[in-house]
Amino acid sequence: MSASAPAFRDHDDFAAYVERYGPRLLLWIWDRAEGGPGPQVSCAEFGSLQSIPMSAVRVIVDHLSAEELISSHDGHGTDTGAPVVTLRPAGAERARRLQALRANSVQRGRHAARAVLHWIHANPHRQPLRISGFLDSPDVFFLGEPLSRSEVARALTYLANESLITCEGPPFHNDVGSQVALTSQGESAVLSGASDIVAYAAEQRERRRPVQGTHIVAERIGHITQGDSDNSVHNSIEVHTALAPDDLARLITELAPGLDLDPESRAALLRSADALARGDDGNGGGDGGRRQPDRQRGLMEGMRRLLGAAPDTVGRQFLLDAVGQALGRLLGS
């Protein structure tokens, strides 16, 4: 192996190299140290296993040492010049987290979606692209481990269903096409800087959701309005536009007591409505009168979960529609 250090074009090239091999080396050291700090470990075998020069191993060791994950012992190497290291407590903890993340199929799927989308965006003059090129790129690695063909295929299916890419041509894996290209929505997703493409796509779906008018005859929901449920009430409630947070809070406060909810869920729903009306986070934490959209969204999403667990009644569906419309208005603002 050459003793010269690997040449990196720029910082991004170096970062990609370290992202590829850093987690691998840390986990390899963690395994050799039997999961704990203390034993000295020679990195000679790691270079051979990865088919990289020892100079590259030293670059990665220096990086992990700078992050205080390992300690390097100068002058204790073998004849190959391989560094000898000791795992530090922070490195052992990082390795445990990396191992758990590697095994998390949801995190792998989220990474695959983002990686594929950004890889396509980085090659604008060659589209449509053959997705097989992604498998040979540095982007295919998740915490130092390559994504499988089936994981890439699932990411392609998801991105195509969200209209972020087109995926056509001869099959890549099962019935998933091998030729991919970015759509205008996919371009917007990348340029938004969103680190979580799945969350971004969900938010865009909510924004595109049409605001639907809701018409409910009060006689059908008499048991959740004022007065005797046996009386015929001939007024009607019409909601043709999304309610403002204050109005939504008042509506839920008025109607929640009549919903078929258990006492704990009803109390939680009323607390959320009160917090939405006051403009705090539901735990008494106000924000000086400023209504922060992320807090309002969190409260509304909590209301929607509580209502979603309630028995299916006209009143419950009415409030679900009202909360959904208010969320759509909030996300679109």
C-alpha atoms as a PDB file:
ATOM      1  CA  MET A   1       0.000   0.000   0.000  1.00  0.00           C
ATOM      2  CA  SER A   2       1.181   3.536  -0.731  1.00  0.00           C
ATOM      3  CA  ALA A   3       2.423   5.555   2.223  1.00  0.00           C
ATOM      4  CA  SER A   4       1.234   8.836   0.737  1.00  0.00           C
ATOM      5  CA  ALA A   5      -1.850  10.421   2.255  1.00  0.00           C
ATOM      6  CA  PRO A   6      -5.052  10.330   0.157  1.00  0.00           C
ATOM      7  CA  ALA A   7      -5.658  13.462  -1.903  1.00  0.00           C
ATOM      8  CA  PHE A   8      -8.986  15.231  -1.393  1.00  0.00           C
ATOM      9  CA  ARG A   9     -10.343  17.713  -3.923  1.00  0.00           C
ATOM     10  CA  ASP A  10     -12.052  19.856  -1.303  1.00  0.00           C
ATOM     11  CA  HIS A  11     -13.619  19.777   2.142  1.00  0.00           C
ATOM     12  CA  ASP A  12     -16.766  18.045   0.831  1.00  0.00           C
ATOM     13  CA  ASP A  13     -14.600  15.288  -0.650  1.00  0.00           C
ATOM     14  CA  PHE A  14     -12.856  14.826   2.700  1.00  0.00           C
ATOM     15  CA  ALA A  15     -16.181  14.884   4.587  1.00  0.00           C
ATOM     16  CA  ALA A  16     -17.636  12.203   2.294  1.00  0.00           C
ATOM     17  CA  TYR A  17     -14.566  10.011   2.832  1.00  0.00           C
ATOM     18  CA  VAL A  18     -14.739  10.348   6.604  1.00  0.00           C
ATOM     19  CA  GLU A  19     -18.508   9.776   6.587  1.00  0.00           C
ATOM     20  CA  ARG A  20     -17.926   6.564   4.666  1.00  0.00           C
ATOM     21  CA  TYR A  21     -15.073   5.110   6.700  1.00  0.00           C
ATOM     22  CA  GLY A  22     -15.301   6.878  10.071  1.00  0.00           C
ATOM     23  CA  PRO A  23     -18.322   4.952  11.406  1.00  0.00           C
ATOM     24  CA  ARG A  24     -16.858   1.700  10.053  1.00  0.00           C
ATOM     25  CA  LEU A  25     -13.575   2.209  11.881  1.00  0.00           C
ATOM     26  CA  LEU A  26     -15.247   3.285  15.104  1.00  0.00           C
ATOM     27  CA  LEU A  27     -17.538   0.244  15.106  1.00  0.00           C
ATOM     28  CA  TRP A  28     -14.617  -2.018  14.179  1.00  0.00           C
ATOM     29  CA  ILE A  29     -12.575  -0.671  17.133  1.00  0.00           C
ATOM     30  CA  TRP A  30     -15.630  -0.982  19.403  1.00  0.00           C
ATOM     31  CA  ASP A  31     -16.017  -4.624  18.384  1.00  0.00           C
ATOM     32  CA  ARG A  32     -12.313  -5.381  18.947  1.00  0.00           C
ATOM     33  CA  ALA A  33     -12.441  -3.632  22.328  1.00  0.00           C
ATOM     34  CA  GLU A  34     -15.486  -5.770  23.218  1.00  0.00           C
ATOM     35  CA  GLY A  35     -17.744  -2.745  23.589  1.00  0.00           C
ATOM     36  CA  GLY A  36     -15.802  -0.828  26.195  1.00  0.00           C
ATOM     37  CA  PRO A  37     -12.862   1.559  26.601  1.00  0.00           C
ATOM     38  CA  GLY A  38      -9.489   0.332  27.775  1.00  0.00           C
ATOM     39  CA  PRO A  39      -7.826  -2.251  25.492  1.00  0.00           C
ATOM     40  CA  GLN A  40      -5.339  -1.069  22.870  1.00  0.00           C
ATOM     41  CA  VAL A  41      -6.334  -1.985  19.320  1.00  0.00           C
ATOM     42  CA  SER A  42      -4.083  -2.043  16.242  1.00  0.00           C
ATOM     43  CA  CYS A  43      -5.764  -0.740  13.075  1.00  0.00           C
ATOM     44  CA  ALA A  44      -3.564  -2.788  10.721  1.00  0.00           C
ATOM     45  CA  GLU A  45      -6.293  -5.310   9.887  1.00  0.00           C
ATOM     46  CA  PHE A  46      -8.883  -2.575   9.215  1.00  0.00           C
ATOM     47  CA  GLY A  47      -6.883  -1.164   6.308  1.00  0.00           C
ATOM     48  CA  SER A  48      -6.570  -4.609   4.740  1.00  0.00           C
ATOM     49  CA  LEU A  49     -10.271  -5.384   5.178  1.00  0.00           C
ATOM     50  CA  GLN A  50     -11.321  -2.097   3.566  1.00  0.00           C
ATOM     51  CA  SER A  51      -8.599  -2.166   0.879  1.00  0.00           C
ATOM     52  CA  ILE A  52      -7.442   1.336   1.756  1.00  0.00           C
ATOM     53  CA  PRO A  53      -3.847   2.485   2.381  1.00  0.00           C
ATOM     54  CA  MET A  54      -2.588   2.884   5.905  1.00  0.00           C
ATOM     55  CA  SER A  55      -2.206   6.611   5.254  1.00  0.00           C
ATOM     56  CA  ALA A  56      -5.982   6.762   4.805  1.00  0.00           C
ATOM     57  CA  VAL A  57      -6.494   4.824   8.027  1.00  0.00           C
ATOM     58  CA  ARG A  58      -4.349   7.396   9.822  1.00  0.00           C
ATOM     59  CA  VAL A  59      -6.485  10.220   8.390  1.00  0.00           C
ATOM     60  CA  ILE A  60      -9.608   8.582   9.809  1.00  0.00           C
ATOM     61  CA  VAL A  61      -7.884   7.879  13.136  1.00  0.00           C
ATOM     62  CA  ASP A  62      -6.861  11.542  13.353  1.00  0.00           C
ATOM     63  CA  HIS A  63     -10.455  12.593  12.694  1.00  0.00           C
ATOM     64  CA  LEU A  64     -11.903  10.282  15.358  1.00  0.00           C
ATOM     65  CA  SER A  65      -9.199  11.398  17.777  1.00  0.00           C
ATOM     66  CA  ALA A  66     -10.070  15.059  17.148  1.00  0.00           C
ATOM     67  CA  GLU A  67     -13.666  14.234  18.057  1.00  0.00           C
ATOM     68  CA  GLU A  68     -12.336  12.645  21.293  1.00  0.00           C
ATOM     69  CA  LEU A  69     -13.871   9.278  20.420  1.00  0.00           C
ATOM     70  CA  ILE A  70     -10.560   7.399  20.477  1.00  0.00           C
ATOM     71  CA  SER A  71      -7.013   7.976  21.707  1.00  0.00           C
ATOM     72  CA  SER A  72      -4.065   7.285  19.403  1.00  0.00           C
ATOM     73  CA  HIS A  73      -0.810   5.916  20.833  1.00  0.00           C
ATOM     74  CA  ASP A  74       2.200   7.179  18.883  1.00  0.00           C
ATOM     75  CA  GLY A  75       5.172   4.878  18.597  1.00  0.00           C
ATOM     76  CA  HIS A  76       3.238   1.711  19.413  1.00  0.00           C
ATOM     77  CA  GLY A  77       2.369   0.606  15.900  1.00  0.00           C
ATOM     78  CA  THR A  78       3.373  -2.575  14.182  1.00  0.00           C
ATOM     79  CA  ASP A  79       5.889  -2.896  11.372  1.00  0.00           C
ATOM     80  CA  THR A  80       3.189  -1.747   8.955  1.00  0.00           C
ATOM     81  CA  GLY A  81       3.032   1.643  10.647  1.00  0.00           C
ATOM     82  CA  ALA A  82      -0.580   1.036  11.623  1.00  0.00           C
ATOM     83  CA  PRO A  83      -1.880   3.272  14.410  1.00  0.00           C
ATOM     84  CA  VAL A  84      -2.738   1.735  17.755  1.00  0.00           C
ATOM     85  CA  VAL A  85      -5.762   3.238  19.472  1.00  0.00           C
ATOM     86  CA  THR A  86      -7.865   3.042  22.605  1.00  0.00           C
ATOM     87  CA  LEU A  87     -11.622   3.517  22.606  1.00  0.00           C
ATOM     88  CA  ARG A  88     -12.745   6.388  24.841  1.00  0.00           C
ATOM     89  CA  PRO A  89     -16.061   6.390  26.783  1.00  0.00           C
ATOM     90  CA  ALA A  90     -17.573   8.893  24.339  1.00  0.00           C
ATOM     91  CA  GLY A  91     -16.512   6.624  21.463  1.00  0.00           C
ATOM     92  CA  ALA A  92     -18.121   3.593  23.066  1.00  0.00           C
ATOM     93  CA  GLU A  93     -21.368   5.515  23.500  1.00  0.00           C
ATOM     94  CA  ARG A  94     -21.228   6.816  19.907  1.00  0.00           C
ATOM     95  CA  ALA A  95     -20.607   3.285  18.623  1.00  0.00           C
ATOM     96  CA  ARG A  96     -23.634   1.943  20.505  1.00  0.00           C
ATOM     97  CA  ARG A  97     -25.818   4.656  18.962  1.00  0.00           C
ATOM     98  CA  LEU A  98     -24.420   4.001  15.495  1.00  0.00           C
ATOM     99  CA  GLN A  99     -25.131   0.295  15.829  1.00  0.00           C
ATOM    100  CA  ALA A 100     -28.736   0.993  16.844  1.00  0.00           C
ATOM    101  CA  LEU A 101     -29.218   3.494  14.006  1.00  0.00           C
ATOM    102  CA  ARG A 102     -27.773   1.102  11.456  1.00  0.00           C
ATOM    103  CA  ALA A 103     -30.387  -1.471  12.444  1.00  0.00           C
ATOM    104  CA  ASN A 104     -33.274   1.050  12.338  1.00  0.00           C
ATOM    105  CA  SER A 105     -35.182   0.436   9.106  1.00  0.00           C
ATOM    106  CA  VAL A 106     -37.076   3.736   9.384  1.00  0.00           C
ATOM    107  CA  GLN A 107     -33.882   5.783   9.661  1.00  0.00           C
ATOM    108  CA  ARG A 108     -32.328   3.837   6.803  1.00  0.00           C
ATOM    109  CA  GLY A 109     -35.387   4.528   4.658  1.00  0.00           C
ATOM    110  CA  ARG A 110     -35.350   8.254   5.449  1.00  0.00           C
ATOM    111  CA  HIS A 111     -31.647   8.426   4.628  1.00  0.00           C
ATOM    112  CA  ALA A 112     -32.154   6.515   1.371  1.00  0.00           C
ATOM    113  CA  ALA A 113     -34.881   8.919   0.214  1.00  0.00           C
ATOM    114  CA  ARG A 114     -32.752  11.980   0.916  1.00  0.00           C
ATOM    115  CA  ALA A 115     -29.559  10.463  -0.512  1.00  0.00           C
ATOM    116  CA  VAL A 116     -31.187   9.374  -3.787  1.00  0.00           C
ATOM    117  CA  LEU A 117     -32.891  12.748  -4.243  1.00  0.00           C
ATOM    118  CA  HIS A 118     -29.679  14.713  -3.637  1.00  0.00           C
ATOM    119  CA  TRP A 119     -27.671  12.379  -5.882  1.00  0.00           C
ATOM    120  CA  ILE A 120     -30.076  12.991  -8.765  1.00  0.00           C
ATOM    121  CA  HIS A 121     -29.971  16.741  -8.132  1.00  0.00           C
ATOM    122  CA  ALA A 122     -26.160  16.703  -8.209  1.00  0.00           C
ATOM    123  CA  ASN A 123     -26.239  15.384 -11.800  1.00  0.00           C
ATOM    124  CA  PRO A 124     -28.587  17.821 -13.601  1.00  0.00           C
ATOM    125  CA  HIS A 125     -27.011  17.499 -17.060  1.00  0.00           C
ATOM    126  CA  ARG A 126     -27.193  13.721 -17.287  1.00  0.00           C
ATOM    127  CA  GLN A 127     -30.884  13.066 -16.654  1.00  0.00           C
ATOM    128  CA  PRO A 128     -32.541  10.674 -16.869  1.00  0.00           C
ATOM    129  CA  LEU A 129     -29.925   8.843 -14.817  1.00  0.00           C
ATOM    130  CA  ARG A 130     -29.417   5.139 -14.421  1.00  0.00           C
ATOM    131  CA  ILE A 131     -29.927   4.441 -10.735  1.00  0.00           C
ATOM    132  CA  SER A 132     -27.177   1.815 -10.827  1.00  0.00           C
ATOM    133  CA  GLY A 133     -24.762   4.761 -10.711  1.00  0.00           C
ATOM    134  CA  PHE A 134     -26.044   5.601  -7.240  1.00  0.00           C
ATOM    135  CA  LEU A 135     -24.885   2.206  -5.975  1.00  0.00           C
ATOM    136  CA  ASP A 136     -21.326   3.098  -7.028  1.00  0.00           C
ATOM    137  CA  SER A 137     -21.385   6.556  -5.446  1.00  0.00           C
ATOM    138  CA  PRO A 138     -20.359   7.641  -1.912  1.00  0.00           C
ATOM    139  CA  ASP A 139     -24.010   8.615  -1.313  1.00  0.00           C
ATOM    140  CA  VAL A 140     -25.062   4.980  -1.036  1.00  0.00           C
ATOM    141  CA  PHE A 141     -23.538   4.644   2.447  1.00  0.00           C
ATOM    142  CA  PHE A 142     -25.531   4.987   5.648  1.00  0.00           C
ATOM    143  CA  LEU A 143     -23.214   5.309   8.648  1.00  0.00           C
ATOM    144  CA  GLY A 144     -20.520   3.546   6.670  1.00  0.00           C
ATOM    145  CA  GLU A 145     -22.742   0.687   5.486  1.00  0.00           C
ATOM    146  CA  PRO A 146     -24.067   0.545   1.898  1.00  0.00           C
ATOM    147  CA  LEU A 147     -27.808   0.523   1.303  1.00  0.00           C
ATOM    148  CA  SER A 148     -29.173  -2.609  -0.346  1.00  0.00           C
ATOM    149  CA  ARG A 149     -30.826  -2.675  -3.785  1.00  0.00           C
ATOM    150  CA  SER A 150     -34.198  -3.294  -2.166  1.00  0.00           C
ATOM    151  CA  GLU A 151     -33.738  -0.269   0.139  1.00  0.00           C
ATOM    152  CA  VAL A 152     -32.863   1.917  -2.842  1.00  0.00           C
ATOM    153  CA  ALA A 153     -35.859   0.542  -4.757  1.00  0.00           C
ATOM    154  CA  ARG A 154     -38.204   1.367  -1.859  1.00  0.00           C
ATOM    155  CA  ALA A 155     -36.794   4.907  -1.782  1.00  0.00           C
ATOM    156  CA  LEU A 156     -37.406   5.260  -5.528  1.00  0.00           C
ATOM    157  CA  THR A 157     -40.992   4.074  -5.159  1.00  0.00           C
ATOM    158  CA  TYR A 158     -41.613   6.532  -2.317  1.00  0.00           C
ATOM    159  CA  LEU A 159     -40.067   9.496  -4.161  1.00  0.00           C
ATOM    160  CA  ALA A 160     -42.012   8.687  -7.326  1.00  0.00           C
ATOM    161  CA  ASN A 161     -45.294   8.382  -5.398  1.00  0.00           C
ATOM    162  CA  GLU A 162     -44.610  11.799  -3.855  1.00  0.00           C
ATOM    163  CA  SER A 163     -43.988  13.209  -7.366  1.00  0.00           C
ATOM    164  CA  LEU A 164     -40.433  14.209  -6.432  1.00  0.00           C
ATOM    165  CA  ILE A 165     -38.876  12.088  -9.185  1.00  0.00           C
ATOM    166  CA  THR A 166     -39.864  10.142 -12.261  1.00  0.00           C
ATOM    167  CA  CYS A 167     -38.796   6.509 -12.335  1.00  0.00           C
ATOM    168  CA  GLU A 168     -39.197   4.693 -15.628  1.00  0.00           C
ATOM    169  CA  GLY A 169     -37.413   2.434 -18.083  1.00  0.00           C
ATOM    170  CA  PRO A 170     -36.098  -1.103 -17.665  1.00  0.00           C
ATOM    171  CA  PRO A 171     -36.535  -2.617 -14.201  1.00  0.00           C
ATOM    172  CA  PHE A 172     -33.884  -1.916 -11.585  1.00  0.00           C
ATOM    173  CA  HIS A 173     -35.341  -4.093  -8.817  1.00  0.00           C
ATOM    174  CA  ASN A 174     -38.616  -5.961  -9.128  1.00  0.00           C
ATOM    175  CA  ASP A 175     -40.943  -3.575 -10.996  1.00  0.00           C
ATOM    176  CA  VAL A 176     -39.102  -0.352 -10.100  1.00  0.00           C
ATOM    177  CA  GLY A 177     -37.701   1.507 -13.109  1.00  0.00           C
ATOM    178  CA  SER A 178     -33.984   2.137 -13.536  1.00  0.00           C
ATOM    179  CA  GLN A 179     -34.039   5.585 -15.185  1.00  0.00           C
ATOM    180  CA  VAL A 180     -34.672   8.464 -12.800  1.00  0.00           C
ATOM    181  CA  ALA A 181     -35.068  12.214 -13.148  1.00  0.00           C
ATOM    182  CA  LEU A 182     -35.942  15.081 -10.829  1.00  0.00           C
ATOM    183  CA  THR A 183     -39.334  16.805 -11.038  1.00  0.00           C
ATOM    184  CA  SER A 184     -39.943  20.475 -10.251  1.00  0.00           C
ATOM    185  CA  GLN A 185     -41.281  19.406  -6.849  1.00  0.00           C
ATOM    186  CA  GLY A 186     -38.140  17.364  -6.256  1.00  0.00           C
ATOM    187  CA  GLU A 187     -36.015  20.370  -7.173  1.00  0.00           C
ATOM    188  CA  SER A 188     -37.926  22.452  -4.632  1.00  0.00           C
ATOM    189  CA  ALA A 189     -37.441  19.777  -1.976  1.00  0.00           C
ATOM    190  CA  VAL A 190     -33.659  19.812  -2.416  1.00  0.00           C
ATOM    191  CA  LEU A 191     -33.412  23.614  -2.574  1.00  0.00           C
ATOM    192  CA  SER A 192     -35.538  23.932   0.567  1.00  0.00           C
ATOM    193  CA  GLY A 193     -32.594  22.553   2.538  1.00  0.00           C
ATOM    194  CA  ALA A 194     -34.873  20.080   4.325  1.00  0.00           C
ATOM    195  CA  SER A 195     -32.826  17.434   6.094  1.00  0.00           C
ATOM    196  CA  ASP A 196     -35.852  15.105   6.382  1.00  0.00           C
ATOM    197  CA  ILE A 197     -37.424  14.585   2.962  1.00  0.00           C
ATOM    198  CA  VAL A 198     -40.221  12.429   4.420  1.00  0.00           C
ATOM    199  CA  ALA A 199     -41.302  15.211   6.783  1.00  0.00           C
ATOM    200  CA  TYR A 200     -41.007  17.759   3.967  1.00  0.00           C
ATOM    201  CA  ALA A 201     -43.210  15.675   1.664  1.00  0.00           C
ATOM    202  CA  ALA A 202     -45.831  15.225   4.405  1.00  0.00           C
ATOM    203  CA  GLU A 203     -45.931  18.964   4.999  1.00  0.00           C
ATOM    204  CA  GLN A 204     -46.339  19.659   1.272  1.00  0.00           C
ATOM    205  CA  ARG A 205     -49.212  17.152   1.105  1.00  0.00           C
ATOM    206  CA  GLU A 206     -50.945  18.990   3.943  1.00  0.00           C
ATOM    207  CA  ARG A 207     -50.507  22.312   2.178  1.00  0.00           C
ATOM    208  CA  ARG A 208     -51.970  20.951  -1.056  1.00  0.00           C
ATOM    209  CA  ARG A 209     -54.940  19.465   0.791  1.00  0.00           C
ATOM    210  CA  PRO A 210     -58.030  21.386  -0.359  1.00  0.00           C
ATOM    211  CA  VAL A 211     -60.028  23.239   2.262  1.00  0.00           C
ATOM    212  CA  GLN A 212     -63.454  21.605   2.121  1.00  0.00           C
ATOM    213  CA  GLY A 213     -66.705  23.121   3.298  1.00  0.00           C
ATOM    214  CA  THR A 214     -68.415  21.239   6.127  1.00  0.00           C
ATOM    215  CA  HIS A 215     -72.178  21.352   6.603  1.00  0.00           C
ATOM    216  CA  ILE A 216     -73.671  19.644   9.642  1.00  0.00           C
ATOM    217  CA  VAL A 217     -77.300  19.852  10.706  1.00  0.00           C
ATOM    218  CA  ALA A 218     -77.325  20.565  14.419  1.00  0.00           C
ATOM    219  CA  GLU A 219     -80.247  18.207  14.999  1.00  0.00           C
ATOM    220  CA  ARG A 220     -77.908  15.309  14.185  1.00  0.00           C
ATOM    221  CA  ILE A 221     -75.372  16.435  16.790  1.00  0.00           C
ATOM    222  CA  GLY A 222     -77.871  17.620  19.368  1.00  0.00           C
ATOM    223  CA  HIS A 223     -76.182  15.558  22.082  1.00  0.00           C
ATOM    224  CA  ILE A 224     -73.095  17.754  21.863  1.00  0.00           C
ATOM    225  CA  THR A 225     -74.846  21.127  21.736  1.00  0.00           C
ATOM    226  CA  GLN A 226     -76.534  23.131  24.434  1.00  0.00           C
ATOM    227  CA  GLY A 227     -80.009  22.013  25.386  1.00  0.00           C
ATOM    228  CA  ASP A 228     -81.841  18.718  25.620  1.00  0.00           C
ATOM    229  CA  SER A 229     -80.740  16.223  22.994  1.00  0.00           C
ATOM    230  CA  ASP A 230     -84.348  15.156  22.577  1.00  0.00           C
ATOM    231  CA  ASN A 231     -85.356  18.578  21.317  1.00  0.00           C
ATOM    232  CA  SER A 232     -85.346  19.204  17.587  1.00  0.00           C
ATOM    233  CA  VAL A 233     -82.897  21.941  16.724  1.00  0.00           C
ATOM    234  CA  HIS A 234     -83.340  23.293  13.237  1.00  0.00           C
ATOM    235  CA  ASN A 235     -80.327  25.562  13.058  1.00  0.00           C
ATOM    236  CA  SER A 236     -77.317  24.395  11.086  1.00  0.00           C
ATOM    237  CA  ILE A 237     -73.564  24.881  11.319  1.00  0.00           C
ATOM    238  CA  GLU A 238     -71.622  25.659   8.198  1.00  0.00           C
ATOM    239  CA  VAL A 239     -67.845  25.908   8.019  1.00  0.00           C
ATOM    240  CA  HIS A 240     -66.684  26.915   4.552  1.00  0.00           C
ATOM    241  CA  THR A 241     -63.276  28.333   5.470  1.00  0.00           C
ATOM    242  CA  ALA A 242     -60.546  27.184   7.805  1.00  0.00           C
ATOM    243  CA  LEU A 243     -60.919  28.524  11.314  1.00  0.00           C
ATOM    244  CA  ALA A 244     -58.314  30.708  12.974  1.00  0.00           C
ATOM    245  CA  PRO A 245     -56.621  29.100  16.029  1.00  0.00           C
ATOM    246  CA  ASP A 246     -58.703  31.148  18.506  1.00  0.00           C
ATOM    247  CA  ASP A 247     -61.951  30.187  16.772  1.00  0.00           C
ATOM    248  CA  LEU A 248     -60.934  26.537  16.582  1.00  0.00           C
ATOM    249  CA  ALA A 249     -60.113  26.553  20.304  1.00  0.00           C
ATOM    250  CA  ARG A 250     -63.532  28.000  21.149  1.00  0.00           C
ATOM    251  CA  LEU A 251     -65.299  25.455  18.946  1.00  0.00           C
ATOM    252  CA  ILE A 252     -63.512  22.506  20.574  1.00  0.00           C
ATOM    253  CA  THR A 253     -64.144  23.903  24.060  1.00  0.00           C
ATOM    254  CA  GLU A 254     -67.877  24.105  23.289  1.00  0.00           C
ATOM    255  CA  LEU A 255     -68.239  20.691  21.651  1.00  0.00           C
ATOM    256  CA  ALA A 256     -65.685  18.483  23.423  1.00  0.00           C
ATOM    257  CA  PRO A 257     -67.791  17.861  26.586  1.00  0.00           C
ATOM    258  CA  GLY A 258     -70.412  16.076  24.476  1.00  0.00           C
ATOM    259  CA  LEU A 259     -67.991  13.781  22.621  1.00  0.00           C
ATOM    260  CA  ASP A 260     -67.823  10.104  23.536  1.00  0.00           C
ATOM    261  CA  LEU A 261     -64.303  10.379  24.979  1.00  0.00           C
ATOM    262  CA  ASP A 262     -62.892   8.890  28.155  1.00  0.00           C
ATOM    263  CA  PRO A 263     -62.380  11.507  30.900  1.00  0.00           C
ATOM    264  CA  GLU A 264     -58.602  11.609  30.511  1.00  0.00           C
ATOM    265  CA  SER A 265     -58.738  12.172  26.742  1.00  0.00           C
ATOM    266  CA  ARG A 266     -61.476  14.787  27.107  1.00  0.00           C
ATOM    267  CA  ALA A 267     -59.422  16.657  29.698  1.00  0.00           C
ATOM    268  CA  ALA A 268     -56.352  16.525  27.424  1.00  0.00           C
ATOM    269  CA  LEU A 269     -58.382  17.847  24.492  1.00  0.00           C
ATOM    270  CA  LEU A 270     -59.722  20.749  26.567  1.00  0.00           C
ATOM    271  CA  ARG A 271     -56.230  21.548  27.850  1.00  0.00           C
ATOM    272  CA  SER A 272     -54.935  21.697  24.311  1.00  0.00           C
ATOM    273  CA  ALA A 273     -57.809  23.973  23.266  1.00  0.00           C
ATOM    274  CA  ASP A 274     -57.113  26.261  26.223  1.00  0.00           C
ATOM    275  CA  ALA A 275     -53.399  26.352  25.356  1.00  0.00           C
ATOM    276  CA  LEU A 276     -54.215  27.132  21.719  1.00  0.00           C
ATOM    277  CA  ALA A 277     -56.449  30.012  22.795  1.00  0.00           C
ATOM    278  CA  ARG A 278     -53.781  31.386  25.161  1.00  0.00           C
ATOM    279  CA  GLY A 279     -50.945  30.891  22.726  1.00  0.00           C
ATOM    280  CA  ASP A 280     -48.723  28.690  24.929  1.00  0.00           C
ATOM    281  CA  ASP A 281     -47.443  25.128  24.676  1.00  0.00           C
ATOM    282  CA  GLY A 282     -50.045  23.447  26.866  1.00  0.00           C
ATOM    283  CA  ASN A 283     -47.798  23.406  29.919  1.00  0.00           C
ATOM    284  CA  GLY A 284     -48.249  27.000  30.975  1.00  0.00           C
ATOM    285  CA  GLY A 285     -45.290  28.202  28.890  1.00  0.00           C
ATOM    286  CA  GLY A 286     -46.357  31.336  27.068  1.00  0.00           C
ATOM    287  CA  ASP A 287     -44.296  33.144  24.450  1.00  0.00           C
ATOM    288  CA  GLY A 288     -44.930  36.778  25.307  1.00  0.00           C
ATOM    289  CA  GLY A 289     -48.062  36.980  23.164  1.00  0.00           C
ATOM    290  CA  ARG A 290     -46.373  35.711  19.984  1.00  0.00           C
ATOM    291  CA  ARG A 291     -48.297  32.818  18.412  1.00  0.00           C
ATOM    292  CA  GLN A 292     -45.568  30.522  17.147  1.00  0.00           C
ATOM    293  CA  PRO A 293     -46.774  28.379  14.210  1.00  0.00           C
ATOM    294  CA  ASP A 294     -44.805  25.317  15.306  1.00  0.00           C
ATOM    295  CA  ARG A 295     -46.511  25.347  18.734  1.00  0.00           C
ATOM    296  CA  GLN A 296     -49.924  25.814  17.161  1.00  0.00           C
ATOM    297  CA  ARG A 297     -49.225  22.964  14.780  1.00  0.00           C
ATOM    298  CA  GLY A 298     -48.112  20.719  17.644  1.00  0.00           C
ATOM    299  CA  LEU A 299     -51.296  21.465  19.602  1.00  0.00           C
ATOM    300  CA  MET A 300     -53.507  20.892  16.566  1.00  0.00           C
ATOM    301  CA  GLU A 301     -51.798  17.626  15.699  1.00  0.00           C
ATOM    302  CA  GLY A 302     -52.296  16.497  19.308  1.00  0.00           C
ATOM    303  CA  MET A 303     -55.990  17.370  19.050  1.00  0.00           C
ATOM    304  CA  ARG A 304     -56.270  15.420  15.834  1.00  0.00           C
ATOM    305  CA  ARG A 305     -54.726  12.344  17.482  1.00  0.00           C
ATOM    306  CA  LEU A 306     -57.122  12.568  20.424  1.00  0.00           C
ATOM    307  CA  LEU A 307     -60.120  12.987  18.131  1.00  0.00           C
ATOM    308  CA  GLY A 308     -58.905  10.187  15.868  1.00  0.00           C
ATOM    309  CA  ALA A 309     -59.047   7.780  18.808  1.00  0.00           C
ATOM    310  CA  ALA A 310     -62.641   8.744  19.665  1.00  0.00           C
ATOM    311  CA  PRO A 311     -65.681   6.703  18.500  1.00  0.00           C
ATOM    312  CA  ASP A 312     -66.825   7.661  15.019  1.00  0.00           C
ATOM    313  CA  THR A 313     -69.651  10.181  15.405  1.00  0.00           C
ATOM    314  CA  VAL A 314     -70.811  13.143  13.349  1.00  0.00           C
ATOM    315  CA  GLY A 315     -69.479  15.555  15.977  1.00  0.00           C
ATOM    316  CA  ARG A 316     -66.095  13.906  16.069  1.00  0.00           C
ATOM    317  CA  GLN A 317     -65.855  14.005  12.260  1.00  0.00           C
ATOM    318  CA  PHE A 318     -66.900  17.658  12.270  1.00  0.00           C
ATOM    319  CA  LEU A 319     -64.091  18.558  14.682  1.00  0.00           C
ATOM    320  CA  LEU A 320     -61.573  16.435  12.779  1.00  0.00           C
ATOM    321  CA  ASP A 321     -62.454  18.335   9.604  1.00  0.00           C
ATOM    322  CA  ALA A 322     -62.165  21.662  11.411  1.00  0.00           C
ATOM    323  CA  VAL A 323     -58.742  20.783  12.854  1.00  0.00           C
ATOM    324  CA  GLY A 324     -57.519  19.491   9.473  1.00  0.00           C
ATOM    325  CA  GLN A 325     -58.619  22.674   7.728  1.00  0.00           C
ATOM    326  CA  ALA A 326     -56.987  24.853  10.375  1.00  0.00           C
ATOM    327  CA  LEU A 327     -53.752  22.872  10.015  1.00  0.00           C
ATOM    328  CA  GLY A 328     -53.876  23.296   6.248  1.00  0.00           C
ATOM    329  CA  ARG A 329     -54.336  27.024   6.679  1.00  0.00           C
ATOM    330  CA  LEU A 330     -51.459  27.202   9.170  1.00  0.00           C
ATOM    331  CA  LEU A 331     -49.040  25.251   6.971  1.00  0.00           C
ATOM    332  CA  GLY A 332     -50.008  27.277   3.948  1.00  0.00           C
ATOM    333  CA  SER A 333     -49.405  30.583   5.677  1.00  0.00           C
END
